[in-house]
Amino acid sequence: MTISIYSVTVPMLTHQLTALLGVLNKAEAYATERKFSPDNFVDARLAPDMNPFKFQIQSASDHSKFIVARLSGKTAPSWADDEKSFADLKARLQKALDYLKTFTETDLKGGDDRDVTIRISGQERSVKGEWYFLNRALPNFYFHVTMAYAILREGGVPVGKGDFLPPVTA
């Protein structure tokens, strides 16, 4: 098996965002079954000083687009963070999935060695793509995906590790 920067980005990001979209569908079904609006989850949070559910979805989708754009040397599209409803958040995830579909192995070839400019503590820094992906982008992406799951789980939605991990195909 050959590992490339493409093989560790686009398929993984696609799986996680697709799984997250599935979890949002479970949350909608849960809300419908219990006769409340899934929009109640939009501003939900685990702690008073934490960013809300909508921020977690916005951040996960932003990290996915920035990962592939930066590693390919392209400019990521700008998306307003103006989602107000659960339906808006689902559309945001779908928009990120559609964007990921536009990338090929060729687009990301050499991305691990490409210089990537990121902002850390308000300062622009140039780092290699591999460092960016492994030390900033991937941990941030997973943090926000996991927080979205945790917020829904705390809200009673019956989700768990099986909704998060990809199936074993080896």
N, C-alpha and C. Protein backbone atom coordinates (compact mmCIF):
# COMPACT_ATOMS: atom_id res chain seq x y z
N MET A 1 0.84 -1.18 0.00
CA MET A 1 0.00 0.00 0.00
C MET A 1 0.88 1.25 0.00
N THR A 2 0.57 2.16 -0.87
CA THR A 2 1.29 3.42 -0.94
C THR A 2 0.50 4.49 -0.21
N ILE A 3 1.18 5.18 0.67
CA ILE A 3 0.54 6.27 1.40
C ILE A 3 0.98 7.58 0.75
N SER A 4 0.01 8.39 0.41
CA SER A 4 0.28 9.70 -0.15
C SER A 4 -0.46 10.73 0.68
N ILE A 5 -0.10 11.98 0.50
CA ILE A 5 -0.80 13.03 1.24
C ILE A 5 -2.29 13.03 0.86
N TYR A 6 -2.60 12.69 -0.39
CA TYR A 6 -4.00 12.59 -0.80
C TYR A 6 -4.70 11.47 -0.02
N SER A 7 -4.07 10.30 0.05
CA SER A 7 -4.73 9.14 0.66
C SER A 7 -4.99 9.32 2.15
N VAL A 8 -4.25 10.23 2.80
CA VAL A 8 -4.48 10.46 4.23
C VAL A 8 -5.29 11.73 4.49
N THR A 9 -5.70 12.40 3.42
CA THR A 9 -6.51 13.61 3.61
C THR A 9 -7.92 13.44 3.05
N VAL A 10 -8.06 13.46 1.75
CA VAL A 10 -9.39 13.51 1.13
C VAL A 10 -10.29 12.35 1.57
N PRO A 11 -9.84 11.09 1.51
CA PRO A 11 -10.74 10.02 1.95
C PRO A 11 -11.10 10.11 3.44
N MET A 12 -10.13 10.46 4.29
CA MET A 12 -10.40 10.56 5.72
C MET A 12 -11.34 11.72 6.02
N LEU A 13 -11.07 12.88 5.43
CA LEU A 13 -11.94 14.03 5.64
C LEU A 13 -13.35 13.74 5.14
N THR A 14 -13.43 13.11 3.98
CA THR A 14 -14.73 12.75 3.40
C THR A 14 -15.49 11.81 4.32
N HIS A 15 -14.79 10.79 4.83
CA HIS A 15 -15.46 9.85 5.74
C HIS A 15 -15.99 10.57 6.97
N GLN A 16 -15.15 11.38 7.60
CA GLN A 16 -15.54 12.03 8.85
C GLN A 16 -16.69 13.02 8.64
N LEU A 17 -16.65 13.79 7.57
CA LEU A 17 -17.75 14.74 7.33
C LEU A 17 -19.03 14.01 6.95
N THR A 18 -18.91 12.90 6.22
CA THR A 18 -20.09 12.09 5.88
C THR A 18 -20.68 11.47 7.14
N ALA A 19 -19.81 10.96 8.01
CA ALA A 19 -20.28 10.40 9.28
C ALA A 19 -20.93 11.48 10.14
N LEU A 20 -20.34 12.66 10.14
CA LEU A 20 -20.92 13.76 10.91
C LEU A 20 -22.29 14.16 10.36
N LEU A 21 -22.42 14.16 9.05
CA LEU A 21 -23.73 14.42 8.43
C LEU A 21 -24.74 13.35 8.86
N GLY A 22 -24.29 12.10 8.94
CA GLY A 22 -25.16 11.02 9.41
C GLY A 22 -25.59 11.22 10.86
N VAL A 23 -24.68 11.73 11.66
CA VAL A 23 -25.00 12.00 13.07
C VAL A 23 -26.01 13.14 13.17
N LEU A 24 -25.89 14.12 12.30
CA LEU A 24 -26.89 15.19 12.29
C LEU A 24 -28.26 14.65 11.88
N ASN A 25 -28.28 13.69 10.98
CA ASN A 25 -29.54 13.05 10.61
C ASN A 25 -30.13 12.30 11.81
N LYS A 26 -29.26 11.62 12.58
CA LYS A 26 -29.73 10.94 13.80
C LYS A 26 -30.29 11.95 14.80
N ALA A 27 -29.64 13.10 14.90
CA ALA A 27 -30.11 14.14 15.83
C ALA A 27 -31.47 14.66 15.40
N GLU A 28 -31.68 14.82 14.10
CA GLU A 28 -32.99 15.25 13.60
C GLU A 28 -34.06 14.23 13.93
N ALA A 29 -33.76 12.96 13.71
CA ALA A 29 -34.72 11.89 14.02
C ALA A 29 -35.03 11.87 15.52
N TYR A 30 -33.99 12.02 16.32
CA TYR A 30 -34.15 12.05 17.78
C TYR A 30 -35.06 13.20 18.19
N ALA A 31 -34.82 14.39 17.63
CA ALA A 31 -35.63 15.56 17.97
C ALA A 31 -37.08 15.37 17.52
N THR A 32 -37.27 14.83 16.34
CA THR A 32 -38.63 14.58 15.82
C THR A 32 -39.37 13.60 16.72
N GLU A 33 -38.69 12.52 17.08
CA GLU A 33 -39.28 11.50 17.95
C GLU A 33 -39.69 12.08 19.30
N ARG A 34 -38.93 13.02 19.80
CA ARG A 34 -39.20 13.61 21.11
C ARG A 34 -39.95 14.95 21.02
N LYS A 35 -40.34 15.27 19.79
CA LYS A 35 -41.19 16.43 19.54
C LYS A 35 -40.55 17.78 19.95
N PHE A 36 -39.29 17.97 19.54
CA PHE A 36 -38.68 19.29 19.68
C PHE A 36 -37.90 19.59 18.40
N SER A 37 -37.57 20.83 18.22
CA SER A 37 -36.87 21.24 17.01
C SER A 37 -35.38 20.89 17.09
N PRO A 38 -34.82 20.31 16.02
CA PRO A 38 -33.37 20.06 16.02
C PRO A 38 -32.59 21.37 16.08
N ASP A 39 -33.25 22.48 15.78
CA ASP A 39 -32.58 23.78 15.88
C ASP A 39 -32.16 24.08 17.32
N ASN A 40 -32.74 23.37 18.28
CA ASN A 40 -32.33 23.53 19.68
C ASN A 40 -30.85 23.18 19.87
N PHE A 41 -30.31 22.34 18.99
CA PHE A 41 -28.91 21.94 19.10
C PHE A 41 -27.94 23.00 18.56
N VAL A 42 -28.41 23.90 17.72
CA VAL A 42 -27.53 24.83 17.01
C VAL A 42 -26.63 25.61 17.96
N ASP A 43 -27.16 26.09 19.06
CA ASP A 43 -26.37 26.87 20.01
C ASP A 43 -26.00 26.09 21.27
N ALA A 44 -26.20 24.78 21.23
CA ALA A 44 -25.87 23.95 22.39
C ALA A 44 -24.35 23.90 22.59
N ARG A 45 -23.96 23.75 23.84
CA ARG A 45 -22.54 23.65 24.19
C ARG A 45 -22.39 22.81 25.44
N LEU A 46 -21.20 22.30 25.67
CA LEU A 46 -20.96 21.46 26.84
C LEU A 46 -20.65 22.29 28.09
N ALA A 47 -20.13 23.48 27.91
CA ALA A 47 -19.77 24.35 29.03
C ALA A 47 -20.06 25.79 28.63
N PRO A 48 -20.33 26.65 29.60
CA PRO A 48 -20.69 28.04 29.29
C PRO A 48 -19.63 28.79 28.47
N ASP A 49 -18.37 28.46 28.67
CA ASP A 49 -17.30 29.19 27.97
C ASP A 49 -16.83 28.49 26.69
N MET A 50 -17.61 27.53 26.24
CA MET A 50 -17.28 26.77 25.04
C MET A 50 -18.02 27.32 23.83
N ASN A 51 -17.42 27.19 22.65
CA ASN A 51 -18.13 27.56 21.43
C ASN A 51 -19.26 26.57 21.18
N PRO A 52 -20.37 27.06 20.58
CA PRO A 52 -21.56 26.22 20.39
C PRO A 52 -21.41 25.20 19.26
N PHE A 53 -22.39 24.35 19.16
CA PHE A 53 -22.44 23.29 18.14
C PHE A 53 -22.22 23.84 16.74
N LYS A 54 -22.88 24.96 16.41
CA LYS A 54 -22.72 25.51 15.06
C LYS A 54 -21.27 25.85 14.77
N PHE A 55 -20.54 26.35 15.76
CA PHE A 55 -19.12 26.67 15.58
C PHE A 55 -18.32 25.40 15.31
N GLN A 56 -18.68 24.31 15.96
CA GLN A 56 -17.95 23.05 15.76
C GLN A 56 -18.12 22.57 14.31
N ILE A 57 -19.32 22.68 13.78
CA ILE A 57 -19.59 22.28 12.39
C ILE A 57 -18.87 23.22 11.43
N GLN A 58 -18.96 24.51 11.68
CA GLN A 58 -18.27 25.49 10.83
C GLN A 58 -16.76 25.23 10.84
N SER A 59 -16.21 24.98 12.00
CA SER A 59 -14.76 24.76 12.12
C SER A 59 -14.33 23.47 11.46
N ALA A 60 -15.08 22.40 11.64
CA ALA A 60 -14.72 21.12 10.99
C ALA A 60 -14.75 21.28 9.48
N SER A 61 -15.76 21.96 8.96
CA SER A 61 -15.84 22.16 7.50
C SER A 61 -14.73 23.09 7.02
N ASP A 62 -14.43 24.13 7.80
CA ASP A 62 -13.34 25.04 7.43
C ASP A 62 -12.00 24.31 7.42
N HIS A 63 -11.73 23.53 8.45
CA HIS A 63 -10.45 22.81 8.49
C HIS A 63 -10.33 21.87 7.31
N SER A 64 -11.41 21.21 6.93
CA SER A 64 -11.32 20.29 5.80
C SER A 64 -10.97 21.04 4.51
N LYS A 65 -11.60 22.19 4.28
CA LYS A 65 -11.30 22.93 3.05
C LYS A 65 -9.89 23.52 3.08
N PHE A 66 -9.46 24.00 4.25
CA PHE A 66 -8.11 24.58 4.34
C PHE A 66 -7.03 23.51 4.18
N ILE A 67 -7.27 22.33 4.70
CA ILE A 67 -6.29 21.25 4.56
C ILE A 67 -6.00 20.99 3.09
N VAL A 68 -7.04 20.71 2.31
CA VAL A 68 -6.81 20.35 0.91
C VAL A 68 -6.35 21.55 0.09
N ALA A 69 -6.88 22.72 0.38
CA ALA A 69 -6.46 23.91 -0.38
C ALA A 69 -4.99 24.22 -0.12
N ARG A 70 -4.61 24.29 1.15
CA ARG A 70 -3.23 24.64 1.47
C ARG A 70 -2.24 23.60 0.96
N LEU A 71 -2.58 22.33 1.11
CA LEU A 71 -1.66 21.28 0.66
C LEU A 71 -1.56 21.20 -0.86
N SER A 72 -2.56 21.73 -1.56
CA SER A 72 -2.53 21.73 -3.02
C SER A 72 -1.98 23.04 -3.58
N GLY A 73 -1.80 24.03 -2.72
CA GLY A 73 -1.32 25.33 -3.19
C GLY A 73 -2.43 26.21 -3.73
N LYS A 74 -3.68 25.82 -3.51
CA LYS A 74 -4.82 26.59 -3.98
C LYS A 74 -5.33 27.51 -2.88
N THR A 75 -6.18 28.42 -3.26
CA THR A 75 -6.83 29.31 -2.29
C THR A 75 -8.18 28.72 -1.93
N ALA A 76 -8.41 28.55 -0.65
CA ALA A 76 -9.69 27.99 -0.18
C ALA A 76 -10.80 29.02 -0.40
N PRO A 77 -12.00 28.53 -0.70
CA PRO A 77 -13.13 29.46 -0.80
C PRO A 77 -13.46 30.06 0.56
N SER A 78 -14.04 31.23 0.54
CA SER A 78 -14.47 31.88 1.77
C SER A 78 -15.95 31.59 1.97
N TRP A 79 -16.29 31.06 3.13
CA TRP A 79 -17.68 30.77 3.46
C TRP A 79 -18.06 31.57 4.70
N ALA A 80 -19.15 32.29 4.60
CA ALA A 80 -19.65 33.05 5.75
C ALA A 80 -20.11 32.08 6.83
N ASP A 81 -19.85 32.42 8.05
CA ASP A 81 -20.31 31.60 9.18
C ASP A 81 -21.66 32.14 9.63
N ASP A 82 -22.67 31.96 8.78
CA ASP A 82 -23.97 32.56 9.04
C ASP A 82 -25.08 31.53 9.22
N GLU A 83 -24.71 30.30 9.50
CA GLU A 83 -25.71 29.24 9.68
C GLU A 83 -26.51 29.50 10.95
N LYS A 84 -27.82 29.44 10.79
CA LYS A 84 -28.71 29.70 11.92
C LYS A 84 -29.59 28.51 12.28
N SER A 85 -29.70 27.55 11.37
CA SER A 85 -30.58 26.41 11.60
C SER A 85 -29.82 25.11 11.42
N PHE A 86 -30.45 24.05 11.86
CA PHE A 86 -29.87 22.72 11.70
C PHE A 86 -29.73 22.39 10.22
N ALA A 87 -30.73 22.77 9.44
CA ALA A 87 -30.67 22.55 7.98
C ALA A 87 -29.49 23.31 7.37
N ASP A 88 -29.22 24.52 7.85
CA ASP A 88 -28.07 25.29 7.37
C ASP A 88 -26.76 24.55 7.66
N LEU A 89 -26.67 23.95 8.83
CA LEU A 89 -25.45 23.24 9.22
C LEU A 89 -25.25 21.99 8.36
N LYS A 90 -26.34 21.30 8.06
CA LYS A 90 -26.24 20.15 7.16
C LYS A 90 -25.78 20.58 5.77
N ALA A 91 -26.30 21.70 5.30
CA ALA A 91 -25.89 22.22 4.00
C ALA A 91 -24.41 22.62 4.01
N ARG A 92 -23.94 23.14 5.14
CA ARG A 92 -22.52 23.51 5.27
C ARG A 92 -21.64 22.27 5.14
N LEU A 93 -22.02 21.19 5.79
CA LEU A 93 -21.26 19.95 5.68
C LEU A 93 -21.28 19.43 4.25
N GLN A 94 -22.42 19.50 3.60
CA GLN A 94 -22.51 19.04 2.22
C GLN A 94 -21.63 19.89 1.30
N LYS A 95 -21.58 21.19 1.55
CA LYS A 95 -20.75 22.08 0.76
C LYS A 95 -19.27 21.68 0.90
N ALA A 96 -18.86 21.33 2.11
CA ALA A 96 -17.48 20.89 2.34
C ALA A 96 -17.22 19.57 1.62
N LEU A 97 -18.16 18.65 1.68
CA LEU A 97 -18.01 17.37 0.98
C LEU A 97 -17.91 17.58 -0.53
N ASP A 98 -18.73 18.46 -1.05
CA ASP A 98 -18.68 18.77 -2.49
C ASP A 98 -17.32 19.36 -2.87
N TYR A 99 -16.78 20.22 -2.01
CA TYR A 99 -15.47 20.82 -2.27
C TYR A 99 -14.38 19.76 -2.28
N LEU A 100 -14.43 18.84 -1.34
CA LEU A 100 -13.42 17.77 -1.28
C LEU A 100 -13.43 16.93 -2.56
N LYS A 101 -14.60 16.75 -3.15
CA LYS A 101 -14.71 15.96 -4.38
C LYS A 101 -13.96 16.58 -5.56
N THR A 102 -13.62 17.85 -5.45
CA THR A 102 -12.96 18.52 -6.57
C THR A 102 -11.45 18.26 -6.58
N PHE A 103 -10.92 17.57 -5.56
CA PHE A 103 -9.48 17.34 -5.45
C PHE A 103 -9.10 15.94 -5.90
N THR A 104 -7.97 15.87 -6.58
CA THR A 104 -7.44 14.60 -7.05
C THR A 104 -6.07 14.34 -6.42
N GLU A 105 -5.59 13.14 -6.62
CA GLU A 105 -4.24 12.77 -6.16
C GLU A 105 -3.21 13.75 -6.73
N THR A 106 -3.37 14.11 -7.98
CA THR A 106 -2.43 15.02 -8.63
C THR A 106 -2.43 16.39 -7.97
N ASP A 107 -3.61 16.87 -7.58
CA ASP A 107 -3.71 18.19 -6.93
C ASP A 107 -2.86 18.26 -5.66
N LEU A 108 -2.82 17.16 -4.92
CA LEU A 108 -2.14 17.17 -3.63
C LEU A 108 -0.71 16.62 -3.68
N LYS A 109 -0.29 16.17 -4.83
CA LYS A 109 1.05 15.60 -4.96
C LYS A 109 2.10 16.63 -4.52
N GLY A 110 2.97 16.22 -3.62
CA GLY A 110 4.01 17.12 -3.10
C GLY A 110 3.52 18.06 -2.02
N GLY A 111 2.26 17.95 -1.64
CA GLY A 111 1.71 18.84 -0.62
C GLY A 111 2.37 18.71 0.73
N ASP A 112 2.90 17.54 1.02
CA ASP A 112 3.57 17.34 2.31
C ASP A 112 4.86 18.16 2.39
N ASP A 113 5.47 18.47 1.25
CA ASP A 113 6.71 19.23 1.23
C ASP A 113 6.48 20.70 0.85
N ARG A 114 5.26 21.06 0.54
CA ARG A 114 4.92 22.43 0.13
C ARG A 114 4.99 23.36 1.34
N ASP A 115 5.46 24.58 1.13
CA ASP A 115 5.41 25.58 2.19
C ASP A 115 3.98 26.07 2.34
N VAL A 116 3.51 26.08 3.57
CA VAL A 116 2.14 26.47 3.89
C VAL A 116 2.22 27.62 4.89
N THR A 117 1.45 28.66 4.64
CA THR A 117 1.42 29.80 5.56
C THR A 117 0.18 29.68 6.43
N ILE A 118 0.41 29.72 7.73
CA ILE A 118 -0.69 29.65 8.70
C ILE A 118 -0.51 30.76 9.73
N ARG A 119 -1.58 31.03 10.44
CA ARG A 119 -1.54 32.04 11.49
C ARG A 119 -1.56 31.31 12.84
N ILE A 120 -0.54 31.55 13.64
CA ILE A 120 -0.45 30.97 14.98
C ILE A 120 -0.27 32.11 15.97
N SER A 121 -1.18 32.23 16.91
CA SER A 121 -1.16 33.31 17.91
C SER A 121 -1.04 34.68 17.26
N GLY A 122 -1.78 34.88 16.17
CA GLY A 122 -1.81 36.16 15.49
C GLY A 122 -0.63 36.43 14.58
N GLN A 123 0.30 35.51 14.50
CA GLN A 123 1.50 35.70 13.67
C GLN A 123 1.47 34.73 12.50
N GLU A 124 1.80 35.22 11.32
CA GLU A 124 1.90 34.33 10.15
C GLU A 124 3.21 33.56 10.23
N ARG A 125 3.10 32.26 9.97
CA ARG A 125 4.27 31.38 9.98
C ARG A 125 4.23 30.51 8.75
N SER A 126 5.39 30.21 8.23
CA SER A 126 5.50 29.31 7.10
C SER A 126 6.04 27.98 7.61
N VAL A 127 5.33 26.92 7.31
CA VAL A 127 5.72 25.58 7.74
C VAL A 127 5.55 24.62 6.56
N LYS A 128 6.16 23.48 6.65
CA LYS A 128 6.00 22.46 5.62
C LYS A 128 4.62 21.84 5.74
N GLY A 129 4.08 21.41 4.61
CA GLY A 129 2.75 20.83 4.58
C GLY A 129 2.57 19.65 5.53
N GLU A 130 3.57 18.78 5.61
CA GLU A 130 3.47 17.64 6.51
C GLU A 130 3.32 18.09 7.95
N TRP A 131 4.14 19.06 8.38
CA TRP A 131 4.05 19.57 9.74
C TRP A 131 2.68 20.18 9.98
N TYR A 132 2.24 21.01 9.04
CA TYR A 132 0.92 21.65 9.15
C TYR A 132 -0.18 20.60 9.31
N PHE A 133 -0.18 19.61 8.44
CA PHE A 133 -1.24 18.60 8.47
C PHE A 133 -1.23 17.82 9.77
N LEU A 134 -0.06 17.30 10.16
CA LEU A 134 0.02 16.42 11.33
C LEU A 134 -0.11 17.15 12.66
N ASN A 135 0.38 18.39 12.74
CA ASN A 135 0.46 19.07 14.03
C ASN A 135 -0.57 20.16 14.26
N ARG A 136 -1.19 20.66 13.22
CA ARG A 136 -2.19 21.72 13.37
C ARG A 136 -3.55 21.31 12.79
N ALA A 137 -3.54 20.99 11.50
CA ALA A 137 -4.80 20.78 10.79
C ALA A 137 -5.56 19.55 11.27
N LEU A 138 -4.89 18.41 11.27
CA LEU A 138 -5.56 17.16 11.65
C LEU A 138 -6.06 17.19 13.10
N PRO A 139 -5.23 17.60 14.08
CA PRO A 139 -5.76 17.66 15.45
C PRO A 139 -6.94 18.63 15.58
N ASN A 140 -6.87 19.79 14.92
CA ASN A 140 -7.98 20.74 15.00
C ASN A 140 -9.23 20.18 14.35
N PHE A 141 -9.09 19.56 13.19
CA PHE A 141 -10.24 18.96 12.52
C PHE A 141 -10.92 17.94 13.44
N TYR A 142 -10.14 17.00 13.99
CA TYR A 142 -10.72 15.98 14.85
C TYR A 142 -11.29 16.56 16.14
N PHE A 143 -10.68 17.59 16.66
CA PHE A 143 -11.21 18.22 17.87
C PHE A 143 -12.64 18.70 17.63
N HIS A 144 -12.85 19.43 16.53
CA HIS A 144 -14.17 20.00 16.28
C HIS A 144 -15.20 18.93 15.91
N VAL A 145 -14.79 17.92 15.16
CA VAL A 145 -15.70 16.80 14.86
C VAL A 145 -16.11 16.11 16.16
N THR A 146 -15.15 15.86 17.02
CA THR A 146 -15.43 15.18 18.28
C THR A 146 -16.31 16.02 19.19
N MET A 147 -16.08 17.32 19.22
CA MET A 147 -16.92 18.19 20.05
C MET A 147 -18.35 18.20 19.54
N ALA A 148 -18.54 18.18 18.23
CA ALA A 148 -19.90 18.12 17.67
C ALA A 148 -20.60 16.85 18.14
N TYR A 149 -19.89 15.70 18.05
CA TYR A 149 -20.46 14.45 18.53
C TYR A 149 -20.81 14.56 20.02
N ALA A 150 -19.89 15.09 20.81
CA ALA A 150 -20.08 15.16 22.26
C ALA A 150 -21.28 16.03 22.62
N ILE A 151 -21.43 17.15 21.93
CA ILE A 151 -22.57 18.03 22.22
C ILE A 151 -23.88 17.32 21.93
N LEU A 152 -23.95 16.62 20.80
CA LEU A 152 -25.19 15.90 20.48
C LEU A 152 -25.42 14.75 21.46
N ARG A 153 -24.35 14.07 21.83
CA ARG A 153 -24.49 12.96 22.79
C ARG A 153 -24.99 13.47 24.13
N GLU A 154 -24.44 14.59 24.57
CA GLU A 154 -24.88 15.19 25.83
C GLU A 154 -26.33 15.62 25.73
N GLY A 155 -26.77 15.95 24.52
CA GLY A 155 -28.16 16.33 24.29
C GLY A 155 -29.10 15.15 24.16
N GLY A 156 -28.56 13.93 24.33
CA GLY A 156 -29.40 12.74 24.33
C GLY A 156 -29.41 11.95 23.04
N VAL A 157 -28.78 12.46 21.99
CA VAL A 157 -28.78 11.76 20.71
C VAL A 157 -27.98 10.46 20.86
N PRO A 158 -28.56 9.34 20.45
CA PRO A 158 -27.89 8.03 20.64
C PRO A 158 -26.79 7.80 19.60
N VAL A 159 -25.65 8.44 19.82
CA VAL A 159 -24.49 8.26 18.95
C VAL A 159 -23.33 7.72 19.77
N GLY A 160 -22.42 7.08 19.09
CA GLY A 160 -21.26 6.52 19.77
C GLY A 160 -20.10 6.32 18.82
N LYS A 161 -19.13 5.57 19.29
CA LYS A 161 -17.91 5.35 18.53
C LYS A 161 -18.18 4.74 17.16
N GLY A 162 -19.18 3.90 17.06
CA GLY A 162 -19.53 3.27 15.79
C GLY A 162 -19.97 4.28 14.73
N ASP A 163 -20.45 5.43 15.17
CA ASP A 163 -20.85 6.48 14.23
C ASP A 163 -19.64 7.31 13.78
N PHE A 164 -18.53 7.13 14.44
CA PHE A 164 -17.35 7.95 14.23
C PHE A 164 -16.26 7.21 13.45
N LEU A 165 -16.01 5.96 13.81
CA LEU A 165 -14.94 5.20 13.18
C LEU A 165 -15.35 4.63 11.84
N PRO A 166 -14.44 4.61 10.89
CA PRO A 166 -14.75 3.98 9.61
C PRO A 166 -14.82 2.47 9.77
N PRO A 167 -15.53 1.77 8.90
CA PRO A 167 -15.57 0.31 8.98
C PRO A 167 -14.20 -0.28 8.65
N VAL A 168 -13.92 -1.43 9.21
CA VAL A 168 -12.68 -2.13 8.94
C VAL A 168 -12.83 -2.82 7.58
N THR A 169 -11.92 -2.51 6.66
CA THR A 169 -12.01 -3.07 5.32
C THR A 169 -10.80 -3.91 4.96
N ALA A 170 -9.87 -4.08 5.89
CA ALA A 170 -8.63 -4.82 5.59
C ALA A 170 -8.88 -6.32 5.55
